[in-house]
Amino acid sequence: QVQLVESGGGLVQPGGSLRLSCAVSGFFISSNVMRWYRQAPGKEREWVAGITGMADMTNYADFARGRFTISTDSAKKTVYLQMNSLEPEDTAVYYCNTHWGIPSREYWGQGTQVTVSS
C-alpha cells in the first residue's frame, strides 16, 4: 500500500527557512521519480521540484531554482524539500507526489501548510 506523509510545515518569517519531509511506504524511492507540488489559496496546484529515483537528476520550477533543494534518503525512505529565503508568495500547502504500479497510478500526500509572514 503506497502512502506519502508530509511534515515540516509551519509559520516562518520572510527570509527564513523550512525543511519539508515526505515519508514514503509501499515502494522504494530509488525506483521512482518523486515530486513536490504546492497550492496557494485561490490558485491551481503547481509543480515545485522533482528528483529521479537514484537522485542523479533534479529539476525545479523557476521560482524555486536557487532557493529550494529537493533530496532523498533511500535508507530513511524520505524525500526532502529544503526551502531557503522564503517569501510571502511561497505560502501554500505543499504536497508530495509520485506515480507507481502497473498500470501506473498517481499518489498524493495529505499536504503540509507553509505560511510565510511577519
N, C-alpha and C. Protein backbone atom coordinates (compact mmCIF):
# COMPACT_ATOMS: atom_id res chain seq x y z
N GLN A 1 0.85 -1.19 0.00
CA GLN A 1 0.00 0.00 0.00
C GLN A 1 0.89 1.24 0.00
N VAL A 2 0.73 2.05 -1.03
CA VAL A 2 1.54 3.26 -1.17
C VAL A 2 0.98 4.37 -0.29
N GLN A 3 1.87 4.96 0.48
CA GLN A 3 1.47 6.11 1.31
C GLN A 3 2.56 7.15 1.27
N LEU A 4 2.14 8.41 1.24
CA LEU A 4 3.05 9.55 1.30
C LEU A 4 2.57 10.42 2.46
N VAL A 5 3.45 10.75 3.39
CA VAL A 5 3.08 11.55 4.55
C VAL A 5 4.04 12.71 4.69
N GLU A 6 3.53 13.93 4.47
CA GLU A 6 4.36 15.12 4.57
C GLU A 6 4.38 15.65 6.00
N SER A 7 5.47 16.34 6.32
CA SER A 7 5.59 17.01 7.60
C SER A 7 6.61 18.14 7.46
N GLY A 8 6.69 18.98 8.47
CA GLY A 8 7.71 20.01 8.49
C GLY A 8 7.22 21.41 8.17
N GLY A 9 5.96 21.54 7.81
CA GLY A 9 5.43 22.87 7.53
C GLY A 9 5.28 23.69 8.79
N GLY A 10 4.95 24.95 8.61
CA GLY A 10 4.76 25.82 9.76
C GLY A 10 4.77 27.27 9.36
N LEU A 11 4.86 28.13 10.38
CA LEU A 11 4.90 29.57 10.17
C LEU A 11 6.36 30.03 10.24
N VAL A 12 6.78 30.79 9.26
CA VAL A 12 8.16 31.28 9.21
C VAL A 12 8.15 32.71 8.70
N GLN A 13 9.09 33.50 9.16
CA GLN A 13 9.19 34.89 8.72
C GLN A 13 9.82 34.97 7.33
N PRO A 14 9.54 36.03 6.60
CA PRO A 14 10.20 36.20 5.29
C PRO A 14 11.72 36.16 5.45
N GLY A 15 12.35 35.46 4.51
CA GLY A 15 13.79 35.26 4.58
C GLY A 15 14.20 34.02 5.34
N GLY A 16 13.26 33.38 6.01
CA GLY A 16 13.56 32.20 6.80
C GLY A 16 13.62 30.93 5.97
N SER A 17 13.81 29.82 6.68
CA SER A 17 13.96 28.52 6.03
C SER A 17 13.06 27.47 6.69
N LEU A 18 12.71 26.48 5.91
CA LEU A 18 12.00 25.31 6.40
C LEU A 18 12.48 24.11 5.61
N ARG A 19 12.43 22.94 6.26
CA ARG A 19 12.70 21.70 5.54
C ARG A 19 11.47 20.80 5.65
N LEU A 20 10.88 20.52 4.52
CA LEU A 20 9.74 19.62 4.46
C LEU A 20 10.23 18.19 4.26
N SER A 21 9.48 17.26 4.83
CA SER A 21 9.79 15.84 4.68
C SER A 21 8.58 15.11 4.13
N CYS A 22 8.84 14.08 3.36
CA CYS A 22 7.79 13.21 2.84
C CYS A 22 8.22 11.77 3.10
N ALA A 23 7.57 11.16 4.07
CA ALA A 23 7.87 9.76 4.39
C ALA A 23 7.04 8.86 3.49
N VAL A 24 7.70 7.91 2.84
CA VAL A 24 7.00 7.06 1.88
C VAL A 24 6.97 5.62 2.37
N SER A 25 5.96 4.89 1.96
CA SER A 25 5.85 3.47 2.24
C SER A 25 5.18 2.81 1.06
N GLY A 26 5.46 1.51 0.89
CA GLY A 26 4.83 0.74 -0.17
C GLY A 26 5.64 0.64 -1.44
N PHE A 27 6.77 1.35 -1.52
CA PHE A 27 7.63 1.25 -2.69
C PHE A 27 9.01 1.78 -2.31
N PHE A 28 9.97 1.56 -3.21
CA PHE A 28 11.32 2.05 -2.97
C PHE A 28 11.53 3.37 -3.70
N ILE A 29 12.02 4.36 -2.96
CA ILE A 29 12.26 5.67 -3.55
C ILE A 29 13.20 5.54 -4.75
N SER A 30 14.16 4.63 -4.66
CA SER A 30 15.17 4.50 -5.71
C SER A 30 14.57 4.09 -7.05
N SER A 31 13.33 3.62 -7.05
CA SER A 31 12.70 3.17 -8.28
C SER A 31 11.70 4.18 -8.84
N ASN A 32 11.59 5.33 -8.19
CA ASN A 32 10.54 6.29 -8.57
C ASN A 32 11.07 7.70 -8.73
N VAL A 33 10.41 8.46 -9.59
CA VAL A 33 10.58 9.91 -9.61
C VAL A 33 9.66 10.50 -8.54
N MET A 34 10.22 11.34 -7.72
CA MET A 34 9.45 11.99 -6.65
C MET A 34 9.34 13.47 -6.93
N ARG A 35 8.20 14.04 -6.59
CA ARG A 35 7.96 15.44 -6.89
C ARG A 35 7.32 16.15 -5.70
N TRP A 36 7.55 17.45 -5.64
CA TRP A 36 6.83 18.33 -4.71
C TRP A 36 5.98 19.29 -5.55
N TYR A 37 4.75 19.50 -5.07
CA TYR A 37 3.84 20.48 -5.63
C TYR A 37 3.41 21.40 -4.50
N ARG A 38 2.77 22.50 -4.89
CA ARG A 38 2.17 23.37 -3.88
C ARG A 38 0.89 23.98 -4.44
N GLN A 39 0.03 24.38 -3.51
CA GLN A 39 -1.22 25.03 -3.88
C GLN A 39 -1.50 26.17 -2.92
N ALA A 40 -1.48 27.37 -3.46
CA ALA A 40 -1.78 28.56 -2.66
C ALA A 40 -3.28 28.81 -2.69
N PRO A 41 -3.80 29.53 -1.69
CA PRO A 41 -5.25 29.80 -1.64
C PRO A 41 -5.72 30.47 -2.93
N GLY A 42 -6.77 29.92 -3.52
CA GLY A 42 -7.35 30.50 -4.71
C GLY A 42 -6.59 30.25 -5.99
N LYS A 43 -5.53 29.45 -5.92
CA LYS A 43 -4.72 29.18 -7.10
C LYS A 43 -4.68 27.69 -7.40
N GLU A 44 -4.29 27.35 -8.62
CA GLU A 44 -4.16 25.96 -9.00
C GLU A 44 -2.89 25.37 -8.40
N ARG A 45 -2.91 24.06 -8.24
CA ARG A 45 -1.72 23.37 -7.75
C ARG A 45 -0.62 23.49 -8.81
N GLU A 46 0.61 23.76 -8.35
CA GLU A 46 1.72 23.90 -9.28
C GLU A 46 2.90 23.06 -8.85
N TRP A 47 3.64 22.61 -9.83
CA TRP A 47 4.82 21.79 -9.61
C TRP A 47 5.95 22.66 -9.05
N VAL A 48 6.68 22.11 -8.09
CA VAL A 48 7.78 22.83 -7.45
C VAL A 48 9.14 22.24 -7.85
N ALA A 49 9.29 20.93 -7.69
CA ALA A 49 10.58 20.30 -7.94
C ALA A 49 10.41 18.81 -8.13
N GLY A 50 11.39 18.18 -8.78
CA GLY A 50 11.37 16.74 -8.98
C GLY A 50 12.76 16.16 -8.86
N ILE A 51 12.81 14.86 -8.52
CA ILE A 51 14.10 14.18 -8.38
C ILE A 51 13.94 12.75 -8.85
N THR A 52 14.92 12.25 -9.59
CA THR A 52 14.87 10.87 -10.06
C THR A 52 15.14 9.91 -8.90
N GLY A 53 14.77 8.66 -9.10
CA GLY A 53 14.86 7.67 -8.03
C GLY A 53 16.27 7.50 -7.48
N MET A 54 17.25 7.58 -8.35
CA MET A 54 18.64 7.42 -7.91
C MET A 54 19.25 8.76 -7.53
N ALA A 55 18.42 9.79 -7.47
CA ALA A 55 18.86 11.13 -7.07
C ALA A 55 19.96 11.67 -7.96
N ASP A 56 19.99 11.22 -9.20
CA ASP A 56 21.04 11.69 -10.09
C ASP A 56 20.60 12.87 -10.94
N MET A 57 19.30 13.19 -10.87
CA MET A 57 18.82 14.34 -11.62
C MET A 57 17.76 15.05 -10.81
N THR A 58 17.84 16.37 -10.79
CA THR A 58 16.82 17.19 -10.14
C THR A 58 16.37 18.27 -11.12
N ASN A 59 15.18 18.78 -10.88
CA ASN A 59 14.66 19.86 -11.70
C ASN A 59 13.76 20.72 -10.84
N TYR A 60 13.71 22.01 -11.17
CA TYR A 60 12.99 22.97 -10.34
C TYR A 60 12.18 23.92 -11.19
N ALA A 61 11.05 24.33 -10.63
CA ALA A 61 10.31 25.44 -11.22
C ALA A 61 11.17 26.70 -11.10
N ASP A 62 10.92 27.65 -11.99
CA ASP A 62 11.74 28.86 -11.99
C ASP A 62 11.73 29.55 -10.63
N PHE A 63 10.59 29.59 -9.97
CA PHE A 63 10.51 30.30 -8.69
C PHE A 63 11.28 29.59 -7.58
N ALA A 64 11.55 28.29 -7.79
CA ALA A 64 12.22 27.51 -6.75
C ALA A 64 13.74 27.41 -6.96
N ARG A 65 14.15 27.53 -8.20
CA ARG A 65 15.57 27.33 -8.52
C ARG A 65 16.44 28.34 -7.78
N GLY A 66 17.45 27.84 -7.10
CA GLY A 66 18.36 28.69 -6.35
C GLY A 66 17.95 28.91 -4.90
N ARG A 67 16.69 28.62 -4.57
CA ARG A 67 16.22 28.78 -3.18
C ARG A 67 15.83 27.46 -2.55
N PHE A 68 15.29 26.54 -3.36
CA PHE A 68 14.81 25.25 -2.85
C PHE A 68 15.74 24.14 -3.31
N THR A 69 15.85 23.09 -2.48
CA THR A 69 16.63 21.92 -2.84
C THR A 69 15.85 20.66 -2.50
N ILE A 70 15.67 19.81 -3.51
CA ILE A 70 14.99 18.53 -3.30
C ILE A 70 16.06 17.45 -3.14
N SER A 71 15.82 16.53 -2.22
CA SER A 71 16.78 15.44 -2.00
C SER A 71 16.04 14.23 -1.46
N THR A 72 16.74 13.10 -1.43
CA THR A 72 16.14 11.87 -0.92
C THR A 72 17.11 11.16 0.01
N ASP A 73 16.56 10.39 0.91
CA ASP A 73 17.32 9.47 1.75
C ASP A 73 16.63 8.11 1.60
N SER A 74 17.19 7.27 0.75
CA SER A 74 16.53 5.99 0.46
C SER A 74 16.47 5.10 1.70
N ALA A 75 17.50 5.16 2.53
CA ALA A 75 17.51 4.33 3.74
C ALA A 75 16.37 4.73 4.68
N LYS A 76 16.09 6.02 4.76
CA LYS A 76 15.01 6.51 5.61
C LYS A 76 13.68 6.58 4.87
N LYS A 77 13.72 6.26 3.57
CA LYS A 77 12.51 6.30 2.75
C LYS A 77 11.83 7.66 2.88
N THR A 78 12.62 8.70 2.71
CA THR A 78 12.12 10.05 2.89
C THR A 78 12.61 10.96 1.77
N VAL A 79 11.74 11.84 1.33
CA VAL A 79 12.07 12.87 0.36
C VAL A 79 12.00 14.21 1.09
N TYR A 80 12.95 15.07 0.81
CA TYR A 80 13.03 16.35 1.48
C TYR A 80 12.88 17.51 0.49
N LEU A 81 12.40 18.63 1.02
CA LEU A 81 12.43 19.88 0.28
C LEU A 81 12.96 20.94 1.23
N GLN A 82 14.20 21.32 1.03
CA GLN A 82 14.80 22.40 1.81
C GLN A 82 14.45 23.71 1.13
N MET A 83 13.83 24.60 1.88
CA MET A 83 13.38 25.89 1.33
C MET A 83 14.06 27.02 2.08
N ASN A 84 14.81 27.82 1.36
CA ASN A 84 15.51 28.96 1.94
C ASN A 84 14.99 30.26 1.34
N SER A 85 15.32 31.37 1.99
CA SER A 85 14.91 32.70 1.50
C SER A 85 13.43 32.73 1.17
N LEU A 86 12.64 32.24 2.09
CA LEU A 86 11.20 32.15 1.85
C LEU A 86 10.56 33.52 1.75
N GLU A 87 9.56 33.60 0.91
CA GLU A 87 8.83 34.84 0.64
C GLU A 87 7.35 34.61 0.94
N PRO A 88 6.61 35.68 1.21
CA PRO A 88 5.16 35.51 1.45
C PRO A 88 4.47 34.76 0.30
N GLU A 89 4.99 34.92 -0.92
CA GLU A 89 4.39 34.25 -2.07
C GLU A 89 4.58 32.74 -2.04
N ASP A 90 5.43 32.26 -1.16
CA ASP A 90 5.63 30.82 -1.01
C ASP A 90 4.59 30.18 -0.09
N THR A 91 3.73 30.99 0.49
CA THR A 91 2.68 30.47 1.35
C THR A 91 1.76 29.57 0.55
N ALA A 92 1.61 28.33 1.00
CA ALA A 92 0.83 27.33 0.28
C ALA A 92 0.80 26.04 1.07
N VAL A 93 -0.05 25.13 0.63
CA VAL A 93 0.03 23.75 1.10
C VAL A 93 0.95 23.00 0.14
N TYR A 94 1.95 22.32 0.70
CA TYR A 94 2.94 21.61 -0.10
C TYR A 94 2.63 20.12 -0.07
N TYR A 95 2.67 19.51 -1.26
CA TYR A 95 2.30 18.11 -1.42
C TYR A 95 3.44 17.31 -2.03
N CYS A 96 3.56 16.10 -1.57
CA CYS A 96 4.48 15.11 -2.15
C CYS A 96 3.70 14.29 -3.17
N ASN A 97 4.37 13.89 -4.24
CA ASN A 97 3.69 13.22 -5.35
C ASN A 97 4.58 12.18 -6.00
N THR A 98 3.96 11.08 -6.44
CA THR A 98 4.68 10.10 -7.24
C THR A 98 3.68 9.29 -8.06
N HIS A 99 4.21 8.51 -8.98
CA HIS A 99 3.43 7.55 -9.74
C HIS A 99 4.01 6.16 -9.48
N TRP A 100 3.12 5.18 -9.35
CA TRP A 100 3.61 3.83 -9.00
C TRP A 100 2.61 2.80 -9.49
N GLY A 101 3.15 1.64 -9.84
CA GLY A 101 2.30 0.50 -10.12
C GLY A 101 2.10 0.24 -11.60
N ILE A 102 1.51 -0.90 -11.87
CA ILE A 102 1.17 -1.31 -13.22
C ILE A 102 -0.29 -1.74 -13.22
N PRO A 103 -1.19 -0.99 -13.86
CA PRO A 103 -0.93 0.29 -14.51
C PRO A 103 -0.56 1.37 -13.51
N SER A 104 0.12 2.39 -14.00
CA SER A 104 0.60 3.44 -13.12
C SER A 104 -0.54 4.24 -12.52
N ARG A 105 -0.42 4.51 -11.22
CA ARG A 105 -1.38 5.35 -10.52
C ARG A 105 -0.64 6.52 -9.92
N GLU A 106 -1.33 7.63 -9.76
CA GLU A 106 -0.75 8.80 -9.14
C GLU A 106 -1.12 8.84 -7.67
N TYR A 107 -0.13 9.16 -6.85
CA TYR A 107 -0.34 9.22 -5.41
C TYR A 107 0.05 10.60 -4.88
N TRP A 108 -0.74 11.07 -3.91
CA TRP A 108 -0.50 12.35 -3.25
C TRP A 108 -0.49 12.14 -1.74
N GLY A 109 0.29 12.95 -1.06
CA GLY A 109 0.18 13.00 0.38
C GLY A 109 -0.96 13.93 0.78
N GLN A 110 -1.11 14.12 2.09
CA GLN A 110 -2.21 14.95 2.59
C GLN A 110 -1.84 16.43 2.58
N GLY A 111 -0.56 16.72 2.42
CA GLY A 111 -0.10 18.10 2.36
C GLY A 111 0.35 18.63 3.72
N THR A 112 1.22 19.63 3.66
CA THR A 112 1.67 20.32 4.87
C THR A 112 1.65 21.81 4.60
N GLN A 113 1.09 22.58 5.54
CA GLN A 113 0.89 24.02 5.34
C GLN A 113 2.19 24.78 5.63
N VAL A 114 2.56 25.63 4.70
CA VAL A 114 3.68 26.55 4.89
C VAL A 114 3.13 27.97 4.82
N THR A 115 3.38 28.75 5.86
CA THR A 115 2.93 30.13 5.90
C THR A 115 4.14 31.03 6.13
N VAL A 116 4.36 31.96 5.22
CA VAL A 116 5.48 32.90 5.33
C VAL A 116 4.89 34.28 5.61
N SER A 117 5.12 34.75 6.82
CA SER A 117 4.51 36.01 7.24
C SER A 117 5.30 36.60 8.39
N SER A 118 5.30 37.91 8.44
CA SER A 118 5.94 38.60 9.56
C SER A 118 4.92 38.92 10.65
